Each structure stands twice: as structure tokens, then as C-alpha cells.
Amino acid sequence: MGGESTTRTAPRSGGTGTAASGGRLGQRLSGVAVALGLVLFLGGFGWAALSYRPYTVPTSSMTPTIDAGNRVLAQRVDGGKVRRGDVVVFRDNSWVTGSDVVKRVVAVGGDTVSCCTDGKLTVNGKQIEEPYLPKGTLAENQNFATVTVPKGRLFLLGDERQGSLDSTAHLTDAAKGTVARTAVIARVDAVVFPWKGGLKRPTGFEALGALSQPGPLATIELLIVVGAVLVLGGGAYGPIAKRAGRSRARAARAEAAGVR
């Protein structure tokens, strides 16, 4: 009888202790995963709120890069950080009163810009490749004489040159169609609805100087995704562990009955 009792109780005691220990460790890890996930998830959204502003573009002047009605995310930047090729959001009451405008910077202070040479925009004597323009369209629907951009100002065009009210529509103004850098409030980083993703780098301007680097949007997206996975994974541990525990308990009872 004594030998039979020892044979029955040893597996039960050892199995219960292992399950309890594993359960406690799993619960701790689950809690850490959920806490870390929440930090990453909420931190990502907080970073995005501080760094970006959403805009709905009402016109087709930036087609095909940005179509009318598209929702974009624009990084809050100082106008001094704007580079050639950037798509920016600015406000200039001499262009449109009380409304934000979205255009592409093609020349900065000190540059000379003209159009067209062999059908291409010319900046500082260099012909600029502009693959973002609608296929088959000219770099400009009208030729314009060389403009020297004053220091601290920008020359901007829409990607849909046929109907864009851009710097070429203000050439007779005192500022020769240019806009102050201080008027820039954000730089468009991505089209998010409908989803087109991040804007491609304007490589045609590389020969003239450094281009702007993409904003932190990709890193923010990664934080949010990883955070969501950790929260969901950590939260799912409890139900999965309980179900697995019940399965092990049923198996143990069946094994014990077989021993008897």
C-alpha cells in the first residue's frame, strides 16, 4: 500500500508545482508585454500629434502626387529647413486669404529659375528632371523669363502645371511670385487617405544641393504596430493559458485514471 501511495502522489505534486510556476512567470511576462505595448502605442500617437498636422487638399493642382480630396500628413517644420523639391504647406494672404496652400518648392533664395529649356525647368542653369509631373505634360504651360529668388524666399509650382495658380501666376507681384520661408508651416511627408504612402524623394534636384530627409513617420508607424502587437499578444495570454491549463488538467485526470 505504501508503495502504491508514493507512485500516485509524486506525479500529481510535481505536475501542479510546475504548472503554477510556469503560470506565474507567464503572467508576469504578459503584464510586461502589455505595459510596454501601451507605452509604445500611445507614445507613437503622441509623437505623431506633436510632429504632424493632417490636411485635406481641396484642389488638383498637385496631381498626380496629391489628388483633390486626398488627406495628407505634413511634418511641422521651420521654413529655414525647406529644401528644393519639398512639397510644403504655407499661408500667404497675397495668394489666398485665410487659407493654407500646398505647392512644391523648385528654387530657394539665391537661385535663378526659368522655363523652359528643351521643355524642362531650369534652375541655376541646370535642367531639372521632374518625374512627378503628369505623363506627357510640359514642365510649364507658359515660358517665363529668368527669376532670381530673393534671399529668404521660395519659388513654388504645382505638379499639375496646366491649372496650378502658383508662383507663375504672381510674377508681376513685387516679390516676383516668391513666398517667404517664414510662411511655411509644414512639409508634406505622406498621403494617407486614400493610402499612397510617403512622397518619393525629388532626385532631380540632387545636383543643386542636399535634399530634405524624410520625417519620423516610418519610425512612428513601427512603434504603433509593435505596441499594438505586444498589447494584443500580452492580453491574449490569459485566455490561452487558461484553456491550455484545462487541457492539461483533463489529460492528467485521464492519466491518473489509467494508473488506477
Protein backbone atom coordinates (compact mmCIF):
# COMPACT_ATOMS: atom_id res chain seq x y z
CA MET A 1 0.00 0.00 0.00
CA GLY A 2 2.78 2.44 0.88
CA GLY A 3 4.47 1.92 -2.48
CA GLU A 4 1.20 2.45 -4.32
CA SER A 5 0.57 5.74 -2.48
CA THR A 6 4.00 7.07 -3.37
CA THR A 7 3.53 6.17 -7.04
CA ARG A 8 0.25 8.10 -7.23
CA THR A 9 1.15 11.26 -5.37
CA ALA A 10 4.59 12.07 -6.80
CA PRO A 11 3.42 12.89 -10.37
CA ARG A 12 0.49 14.95 -9.08
CA SER A 13 2.60 17.08 -6.76
CA GLY A 14 5.38 17.65 -9.32
CA GLY A 15 2.93 18.46 -12.15
CA THR A 16 0.99 21.02 -10.09
CA GLY A 17 4.11 22.83 -8.93
CA THR A 18 5.47 23.13 -12.48
CA ALA A 19 2.17 24.48 -13.81
CA ALA A 20 1.87 27.04 -11.05
CA SER A 21 5.43 28.25 -11.53
CA GLY A 22 5.01 28.47 -15.32
CA GLY A 23 1.70 30.30 -14.90
CA ARG A 24 3.17 32.94 -12.60
CA LEU A 25 6.10 33.59 -14.96
CA GLY A 26 3.77 33.77 -17.94
CA GLN A 27 1.53 36.25 -16.15
CA ARG A 28 4.49 38.47 -15.30
CA LEU A 29 5.75 38.42 -18.88
CA SER A 30 2.23 39.08 -20.14
CA GLY A 31 1.92 42.11 -17.88
CA VAL A 32 5.29 43.46 -19.02
CA ALA A 33 4.31 42.98 -22.67
CA VAL A 34 1.01 44.84 -22.22
CA ALA A 35 2.66 47.70 -20.30
CA LEU A 36 5.47 48.09 -22.84
CA GLY A 37 2.98 47.81 -25.69
CA LEU A 38 0.84 50.60 -24.26
CA VAL A 39 3.89 52.83 -23.86
CA LEU A 40 4.94 52.27 -27.48
CA PHE A 41 1.42 52.54 -28.87
CA LEU A 42 0.44 55.72 -27.02
CA GLY A 43 3.94 57.16 -27.40
CA GLY A 44 3.74 56.69 -31.17
CA PHE A 45 0.44 58.54 -31.38
CA GLY A 46 1.73 61.27 -29.08
CA TRP A 47 4.86 61.72 -31.20
CA ALA A 48 2.71 61.89 -34.34
CA ALA A 49 0.44 64.53 -32.79
CA LEU A 50 3.44 66.69 -31.89
CA SER A 51 5.25 66.23 -35.22
CA TYR A 52 2.49 66.18 -37.84
CA ARG A 53 -0.60 68.03 -38.95
CA PRO A 54 -3.30 66.47 -41.15
CA TYR A 55 -4.59 68.38 -44.18
CA THR A 56 -7.17 67.74 -46.84
CA VAL A 57 -6.00 69.10 -50.21
CA PRO A 58 -9.03 70.69 -51.91
CA THR A 59 -7.70 71.17 -55.45
CA SER A 60 -5.98 69.11 -58.15
CA SER A 61 -3.00 71.46 -58.53
CA MET A 62 -0.64 68.80 -57.13
CA THR A 63 -1.94 65.90 -59.24
CA PRO A 64 -0.76 63.16 -59.62
CA THR A 65 1.33 63.42 -56.44
CA ILE A 66 -1.69 64.54 -54.43
CA ASP A 67 -5.19 64.40 -55.88
CA ALA A 68 -8.09 66.65 -54.93
CA GLY A 69 -9.64 65.44 -51.68
CA ASN A 70 -6.57 63.46 -50.57
CA ARG A 71 -5.68 63.51 -46.89
CA VAL A 72 -2.00 64.17 -46.18
CA LEU A 73 0.26 64.26 -43.14
CA ALA A 74 2.61 67.23 -43.06
CA GLN A 75 5.53 67.47 -40.66
CA ARG A 76 5.72 70.69 -38.66
CA VAL A 77 8.99 72.28 -39.77
CA ASP A 78 10.65 75.64 -39.67
CA GLY A 79 10.76 77.32 -43.08
CA GLY A 80 14.53 77.50 -42.81
CA LYS A 81 14.72 73.70 -43.17
CA VAL A 82 12.90 73.61 -46.50
CA ARG A 83 14.88 72.33 -49.49
CA ARG A 84 14.36 72.21 -53.25
CA GLY A 85 11.80 69.61 -54.25
CA ASP A 86 9.88 69.68 -50.95
CA VAL A 87 6.09 69.79 -51.04
CA VAL A 88 5.13 72.36 -48.43
CA VAL A 89 2.09 73.88 -46.78
CA PHE A 90 2.23 77.64 -46.43
CA ARG A 91 -0.01 80.63 -45.84
CA ASP A 92 0.38 83.84 -47.84
CA ASN A 93 -2.53 86.26 -47.95
CA SER A 94 -1.28 87.76 -51.20
CA TRP A 95 -2.01 84.38 -52.80
CA VAL A 96 -5.10 83.17 -50.93
CA THR A 97 -6.64 84.99 -47.98
CA GLY A 98 -7.01 82.95 -44.80
CA SER A 99 -6.27 79.57 -46.36
CA ASP A 100 -3.35 77.15 -46.49
CA VAL A 101 -1.75 76.37 -49.86
CA VAL A 102 0.17 73.23 -50.93
CA LYS A 103 2.89 73.56 -53.61
CA ARG A 104 6.34 72.20 -54.50
CA VAL A 105 9.48 74.25 -53.87
CA VAL A 106 11.56 74.39 -57.07
CA ALA A 107 14.00 77.17 -56.15
CA VAL A 108 15.29 78.82 -52.97
CA GLY A 109 16.91 82.15 -52.13
CA GLY A 110 19.78 82.97 -54.48
CA ASP A 111 18.64 80.56 -57.21
CA THR A 112 17.77 81.59 -60.74
CA VAL A 113 14.80 79.76 -62.24
CA SER A 114 13.32 79.85 -65.73
CA CYS A 115 11.28 77.78 -68.13
CA CYS A 116 11.50 76.21 -70.48
CA THR A 117 14.72 74.80 -71.98
CA ASP A 118 14.02 71.76 -74.16
CA GLY A 119 10.69 71.55 -72.36
CA LYS A 120 12.29 71.38 -68.91
CA LEU A 121 12.50 73.65 -65.90
CA THR A 122 15.93 75.23 -65.46
CA VAL A 123 17.39 76.11 -62.06
CA ASN A 124 20.85 77.65 -61.83
CA GLY A 125 21.42 76.69 -65.45
CA LYS A 126 20.64 73.01 -64.87
CA GLN A 127 17.70 71.24 -66.49
CA ILE A 128 15.61 69.52 -63.83
CA GLU A 129 14.12 66.06 -64.28
CA GLU A 130 10.62 66.07 -62.77
CA PRO A 131 9.20 62.52 -62.82
CA TYR A 132 6.34 63.58 -60.52
CA LEU A 133 4.69 65.59 -63.32
CA PRO A 134 1.70 64.05 -65.14
CA LYS A 135 2.97 61.91 -68.01
CA GLY A 136 3.20 63.72 -71.32
CA THR A 137 2.92 67.23 -69.86
CA LEU A 138 5.38 70.09 -70.17
CA ALA A 139 7.36 71.49 -67.26
CA GLU A 140 5.29 74.68 -67.62
CA ASN A 141 2.35 75.78 -69.72
CA GLN A 142 3.99 79.13 -70.40
CA ASN A 143 7.55 80.31 -70.80
CA PHE A 144 8.73 82.84 -68.24
CA ALA A 145 11.85 84.91 -68.05
CA THR A 146 14.59 84.13 -65.55
CA VAL A 147 13.63 84.94 -61.97
CA THR A 148 16.25 85.43 -59.28
CA VAL A 149 14.77 84.31 -55.97
CA PRO A 150 15.47 86.82 -53.18
CA LYS A 151 17.22 85.61 -50.04
CA GLY A 152 14.85 84.07 -47.51
CA ARG A 153 12.18 83.34 -50.12
CA LEU A 154 10.97 80.38 -52.20
CA PHE A 155 9.69 79.83 -55.74
CA LEU A 156 6.88 77.26 -55.84
CA LEU A 157 5.00 75.37 -58.55
CA GLY A 158 2.16 72.88 -58.58
CA ASP A 159 2.77 69.43 -60.08
CA GLU A 160 -0.25 69.95 -62.35
CA ARG A 161 1.29 72.90 -64.19
CA GLN A 162 -1.62 73.46 -66.58
CA GLY A 163 -4.06 74.64 -63.91
CA SER A 164 -1.98 75.47 -60.87
CA LEU A 165 -2.14 79.01 -59.51
CA ASP A 166 1.46 79.05 -58.31
CA SER A 167 4.45 81.41 -58.49
CA THR A 168 3.97 81.82 -62.24
CA ALA A 169 0.60 83.44 -61.58
CA HIS A 170 2.26 86.06 -59.35
CA LEU A 171 5.30 87.00 -61.43
CA THR A 172 4.16 90.62 -61.68
CA ASP A 173 3.92 90.96 -57.90
CA ALA A 174 6.59 92.91 -56.04
CA ALA A 175 8.10 89.61 -54.79
CA LYS A 176 8.14 88.13 -58.34
CA GLY A 177 5.94 85.24 -57.33
CA THR A 178 8.10 84.16 -54.41
CA VAL A 179 6.94 83.32 -50.90
CA ALA A 180 8.79 83.98 -47.64
CA ARG A 181 10.29 80.95 -45.90
CA THR A 182 8.54 82.13 -42.74
CA ALA A 183 5.19 81.50 -44.44
CA VAL A 184 5.87 77.74 -44.48
CA ILE A 185 4.13 75.86 -41.66
CA ALA A 186 4.67 72.22 -42.64
CA ARG A 187 6.26 69.83 -45.15
CA VAL A 188 4.12 67.06 -46.64
CA ASP A 189 5.53 63.63 -45.77
CA ALA A 190 2.84 61.20 -46.91
CA VAL A 191 -0.58 60.79 -48.50
CA VAL A 192 -2.60 58.74 -46.01
CA PHE A 193 -6.12 58.70 -47.48
CA PRO A 194 -6.52 57.11 -49.85
CA TRP A 195 -3.23 55.47 -48.92
CA LYS A 196 -0.30 56.32 -51.21
CA GLY A 197 2.43 56.28 -48.59
CA GLY A 198 5.43 58.55 -48.27
CA LEU A 199 6.31 61.02 -51.01
CA LYS A 200 9.24 59.99 -53.20
CA ARG A 201 12.45 61.97 -52.89
CA PRO A 202 12.79 64.64 -55.65
CA THR A 203 16.09 63.32 -57.02
CA GLY A 204 16.10 65.76 -59.94
CA PHE A 205 17.30 68.47 -57.54
CA GLU A 206 20.21 66.49 -56.04
CA ALA A 207 22.80 68.14 -58.29
CA LEU A 208 21.88 71.53 -56.79
CA GLY A 209 22.34 70.64 -53.12
CA ALA A 210 21.21 68.41 -50.28
CA LEU A 211 17.62 67.20 -50.19
CA SER A 212 15.42 67.09 -47.12
CA GLN A 213 15.38 63.82 -45.21
CA PRO A 214 12.07 62.02 -44.58
CA GLY A 215 10.40 62.79 -41.27
CA PRO A 216 9.91 60.30 -38.41
CA LEU A 217 6.65 58.89 -39.82
CA ALA A 218 8.10 55.43 -40.58
CA THR A 219 9.50 55.14 -37.05
CA ILE A 220 6.19 56.28 -35.59
CA GLU A 221 4.31 53.66 -37.61
CA LEU A 222 6.71 50.97 -36.37
CA LEU A 223 6.19 51.99 -32.73
CA ILE A 224 2.40 51.88 -33.10
CA VAL A 225 2.41 48.49 -34.84
CA VAL A 226 4.84 46.89 -32.37
CA GLY A 227 2.89 48.37 -29.45
CA ALA A 228 -0.39 47.01 -30.78
CA VAL A 229 1.13 43.53 -31.26
CA LEU A 230 2.51 43.50 -27.70
CA VAL A 231 -0.80 44.63 -26.20
CA LEU A 232 -2.83 42.08 -28.14
CA GLY A 233 -0.31 39.30 -27.55
CA GLY A 234 0.01 40.03 -23.83
CA GLY A 235 -3.74 40.35 -23.42
CA ALA A 236 -4.35 37.06 -25.20
CA TYR A 237 -2.03 35.13 -22.88
CA GLY A 238 -4.58 34.79 -20.07
CA PRO A 239 -7.38 33.07 -22.07
CA ILE A 240 -4.85 30.90 -23.93
CA ALA A 241 -3.12 29.86 -20.68
CA LYS A 242 -6.45 29.00 -19.02
CA ARG A 243 -7.52 26.89 -21.96
CA ALA A 244 -4.15 25.13 -22.03
CA GLY A 245 -4.37 24.56 -18.27
CA ARG A 246 -7.79 22.95 -18.58
CA SER A 247 -6.47 20.71 -21.33
CA ARG A 248 -3.51 19.64 -19.17
CA ALA A 249 -5.81 19.02 -16.21
CA ARG A 250 -8.08 16.79 -18.27
CA ALA A 251 -5.07 14.89 -19.57
CA ALA A 252 -3.70 14.47 -16.04
CA ARG A 253 -7.05 13.15 -14.75
CA ALA A 254 -7.24 10.71 -17.66
CA GLU A 255 -3.68 9.52 -16.95
CA ALA A 256 -4.39 9.14 -13.23
CA ALA A 257 -7.50 7.08 -14.01
CA GLY A 258 -5.41 4.87 -16.27
CA VAL A 259 -2.84 4.30 -13.47
CA ARG A 260 -5.53 3.18 -11.13
